[in-house]
Amino acid sequence: MAYPNGLFTEKLRSMKLKCDNIFPISGKRSLIVFFGIIFIISGGCGIYSFSGATTEGLNSVSVQYFQNRASLVQPGLSQGITDALIDKCKAQTSLKIVNGLGDVNFEGEITDYNTRPLTVSADAQAAMNRFTITVKVKFTNSVNPDQSFEQPFSRYEDYNSSYDLSQVEADLAKKIVELIVEDIFNRAFVNW
């Protein structure tokens, strides 16, 4: 559909007028304001990040190896949880990861790794199973000891009992570890 030149030009002018009212700052000043706001929000001062993590007064974090003390030991789970927590701290904070003891330190152990029947069908067979992982965490904040804690974190995923655990275990364990690490991180750094 073709517009007559005059009508099209007039439409552009009216749109520009509306935009000028919405964005009164233009040119280089708007870019400076925009980047200034982004710098403040993104944690340019190292106190706040987009994740909501508060790291005021902290410079470093350490994550000790999480031992597997569950009755059923899954190889690789200890390293997986340890690495996932390190990766979360790297991605969501500006804290330096150290090998010894940092300003804040995570340590803990896997205390439970199991699957249990959840619901039973009419023929007395389990219809759904629940796969659970529990991790006991000790968080030490040497800068602000009041924020230190020791508590278990537990998450589960349900799966259809027509599957053997070995068929779904890797995917379910990955999801559960992500949820547990998110819970641990939020408890340590996001004080809502």
Protein backbone atom coordinates (compact mmCIF):
# COMPACT_ATOMS: atom_id res chain seq x y z
CA MET A 1 0.00 0.00 0.00
CA ALA A 2 1.49 3.34 -1.03
CA TYR A 3 1.18 6.47 1.11
CA PRO A 4 1.05 9.90 -0.40
CA ASN A 5 4.26 11.72 0.55
CA GLY A 6 2.54 14.35 2.60
CA LEU A 7 0.55 11.92 4.75
CA PHE A 8 3.58 9.71 5.43
CA THR A 9 5.78 12.70 6.35
CA GLU A 10 3.09 14.11 8.64
CA LYS A 11 2.77 10.72 10.40
CA LEU A 12 6.54 10.63 11.04
CA ARG A 13 6.48 14.15 12.49
CA SER A 14 3.67 13.31 14.89
CA MET A 15 5.49 10.14 16.03
CA LYS A 16 8.69 12.14 16.66
CA LEU A 17 6.78 14.65 18.77
CA LYS A 18 5.33 11.85 20.89
CA CYS A 19 8.77 10.26 21.38
CA ASP A 20 10.30 13.63 22.34
CA ASN A 21 7.77 13.89 25.14
CA ILE A 22 8.58 10.43 26.44
CA PHE A 23 12.39 10.75 26.22
CA PRO A 24 13.24 14.37 27.05
CA ILE A 25 17.03 13.64 27.21
CA SER A 26 18.57 13.08 23.81
CA GLY A 27 21.89 12.38 22.17
CA LYS A 28 25.05 11.85 24.19
CA ARG A 29 23.40 12.84 27.47
CA SER A 30 20.91 9.97 27.18
CA LEU A 31 23.75 7.49 26.61
CA ILE A 32 25.63 8.79 29.65
CA VAL A 33 22.49 8.51 31.80
CA PHE A 34 21.74 5.03 30.44
CA PHE A 35 25.25 3.67 31.11
CA GLY A 36 25.35 5.37 34.51
CA ILE A 37 22.18 3.57 35.55
CA ILE A 38 23.49 0.25 34.20
CA PHE A 39 26.77 0.72 36.11
CA ILE A 40 24.98 1.39 39.38
CA ILE A 41 22.56 -1.52 38.99
CA SER A 42 25.14 -4.02 37.74
CA GLY A 43 27.25 -3.75 40.83
CA GLY A 44 29.89 -1.33 39.68
CA CYS A 45 30.57 -0.70 43.33
CA GLY A 46 30.59 -4.45 44.13
CA ILE A 47 27.71 -4.30 46.59
CA TYR A 48 24.69 -5.38 44.54
CA SER A 49 24.23 -7.55 41.47
CA PHE A 50 21.34 -8.41 39.16
CA SER A 51 20.84 -11.64 41.12
CA GLY A 52 20.12 -9.63 44.25
CA ALA A 53 23.28 -10.90 45.90
CA THR A 54 24.69 -8.60 48.57
CA THR A 55 28.46 -8.82 48.96
CA GLU A 56 29.21 -5.59 50.82
CA GLY A 57 32.54 -5.75 52.62
CA LEU A 58 33.42 -9.13 51.09
CA ASN A 59 36.36 -9.77 48.76
CA SER A 60 36.67 -13.54 48.48
CA VAL A 61 34.74 -16.79 48.68
CA SER A 62 35.92 -20.36 49.14
CA VAL A 63 34.05 -23.60 48.50
CA GLN A 64 35.37 -26.75 50.13
CA TYR A 65 34.79 -30.18 48.59
CA PHE A 66 31.36 -31.58 49.54
CA GLN A 67 31.85 -35.14 50.85
CA ASN A 68 29.23 -37.77 50.00
CA ARG A 69 27.99 -39.34 53.24
CA ALA A 70 24.67 -40.63 51.89
CA SER A 71 23.85 -44.32 52.24
CA LEU A 72 23.74 -44.54 48.43
CA VAL A 73 26.86 -42.90 46.99
CA GLN A 74 26.62 -41.61 43.44
CA PRO A 75 30.06 -41.12 41.88
CA GLY A 76 30.62 -37.58 40.66
CA LEU A 77 27.85 -36.00 42.74
CA SER A 78 30.25 -34.50 45.29
CA GLN A 79 32.33 -32.85 42.59
CA GLY A 80 29.18 -31.78 40.73
CA ILE A 81 27.73 -29.93 43.72
CA THR A 82 31.09 -28.36 44.60
CA ASP A 83 31.65 -27.16 41.03
CA ALA A 84 28.07 -25.92 40.64
CA LEU A 85 28.38 -23.79 43.79
CA ILE A 86 31.72 -22.35 42.62
CA ASP A 87 30.22 -21.58 39.19
CA LYS A 88 27.20 -19.90 40.81
CA CYS A 89 29.44 -17.67 42.94
CA LYS A 90 31.55 -16.76 39.90
CA ALA A 91 28.52 -15.94 37.77
CA GLN A 92 26.45 -14.08 40.37
CA THR A 93 29.06 -12.17 42.40
CA SER A 94 32.28 -10.27 41.85
CA LEU A 95 33.99 -12.15 44.70
CA LYS A 96 37.37 -13.76 44.08
CA ILE A 97 37.34 -17.56 44.37
CA VAL A 98 40.18 -18.72 46.66
CA ASN A 99 41.46 -22.19 47.56
CA GLY A 100 42.05 -21.65 51.28
CA LEU A 101 39.50 -19.80 53.39
CA GLY A 102 37.81 -16.74 51.93
CA ASP A 103 35.86 -13.98 53.61
CA VAL A 104 32.95 -16.38 53.20
CA ASN A 105 33.35 -20.14 53.13
CA PHE A 106 31.04 -22.98 52.09
CA GLU A 107 31.56 -26.52 53.31
CA GLY A 108 29.27 -29.47 53.73
CA GLU A 109 28.27 -32.98 52.85
CA ILE A 110 25.65 -34.92 50.94
CA THR A 111 23.55 -36.63 53.60
CA ASP A 112 20.75 -38.23 51.58
CA TYR A 113 20.35 -39.60 48.06
CA ASN A 114 17.29 -41.77 47.62
CA THR A 115 14.18 -42.68 45.70
CA ARG A 116 10.88 -43.69 47.29
CA PRO A 117 7.38 -44.55 46.08
CA LEU A 118 5.15 -41.48 46.18
CA THR A 119 1.70 -42.57 45.00
CA VAL A 120 0.21 -46.01 44.67
CA SER A 121 -2.11 -47.01 41.82
CA ALA A 122 -5.22 -49.20 42.14
CA ASP A 123 -3.22 -52.40 41.63
CA ALA A 124 -0.95 -51.55 44.61
CA GLN A 125 1.96 -50.59 42.35
CA ALA A 126 3.80 -47.31 42.74
CA ALA A 127 2.57 -44.85 40.11
CA MET A 128 5.10 -42.12 40.92
CA ASN A 129 8.46 -42.14 42.65
CA ARG A 130 10.22 -39.27 44.39
CA PHE A 131 13.97 -38.83 43.94
CA THR A 132 15.52 -36.72 46.73
CA ILE A 133 18.96 -35.25 47.40
CA THR A 134 19.82 -33.56 50.72
CA VAL A 135 22.95 -31.51 51.35
CA LYS A 136 24.02 -30.22 54.77
CA VAL A 137 25.84 -26.90 54.42
CA LYS A 138 27.96 -24.86 56.81
CA PHE A 139 28.36 -21.27 55.64
CA THR A 140 30.85 -19.09 57.49
CA ASN A 141 30.94 -15.34 56.98
CA SER A 142 34.08 -14.03 58.72
CA VAL A 143 33.21 -10.38 57.94
CA ASN A 144 29.66 -10.54 59.31
CA PRO A 145 29.37 -13.64 61.56
CA ASP A 146 25.64 -13.02 62.14
CA GLN A 147 25.04 -14.17 58.56
CA SER A 148 26.75 -17.52 59.09
CA PHE A 149 24.52 -20.61 59.17
CA GLU A 150 24.49 -24.39 59.22
CA GLN A 151 21.45 -26.13 57.74
CA PRO A 152 20.33 -28.90 55.40
CA PHE A 153 19.01 -28.15 51.91
CA SER A 154 16.79 -30.76 50.31
CA ARG A 155 15.08 -30.89 46.92
CA TYR A 156 13.27 -33.59 45.01
CA GLU A 157 11.87 -34.45 41.59
CA ASP A 158 9.03 -36.86 40.94
CA TYR A 159 9.15 -39.34 38.08
CA ASN A 160 6.87 -42.01 36.62
CA SER A 161 7.50 -45.42 38.15
CA SER A 162 7.38 -47.03 34.71
CA TYR A 163 10.96 -45.74 34.39
CA ASP A 164 13.86 -47.28 36.22
CA LEU A 165 15.83 -44.70 38.25
CA SER A 166 18.91 -45.34 36.10
CA GLN A 167 16.95 -44.10 33.05
CA VAL A 168 16.10 -40.71 34.56
CA GLU A 169 18.72 -40.31 37.28
CA ALA A 170 21.20 -38.10 35.41
CA ASP A 171 18.59 -35.53 34.30
CA LEU A 172 16.80 -35.49 37.66
CA ALA A 173 20.04 -35.18 39.63
CA LYS A 174 21.13 -32.25 37.44
CA LYS A 175 17.83 -30.42 38.07
CA ILE A 176 17.95 -31.10 41.81
CA VAL A 177 21.57 -29.94 42.12
CA GLU A 178 20.69 -26.68 40.33
CA LEU A 179 17.79 -26.08 42.74
CA ILE A 180 19.87 -26.89 45.82
CA VAL A 181 22.74 -24.65 44.71
CA GLU A 182 20.25 -21.83 44.06
CA ASP A 183 18.82 -22.30 47.57
CA ILE A 184 22.28 -22.31 49.17
CA PHE A 185 23.36 -19.21 47.26
CA ASN A 186 20.16 -17.32 48.09
CA ARG A 187 20.44 -18.20 51.77
CA ALA A 188 24.05 -16.97 51.86
CA PHE A 189 23.86 -13.82 49.75
CA VAL A 190 20.26 -12.79 49.07
CA ASN A 191 18.87 -11.61 52.38
CA TRP A 192 15.20 -11.01 51.58
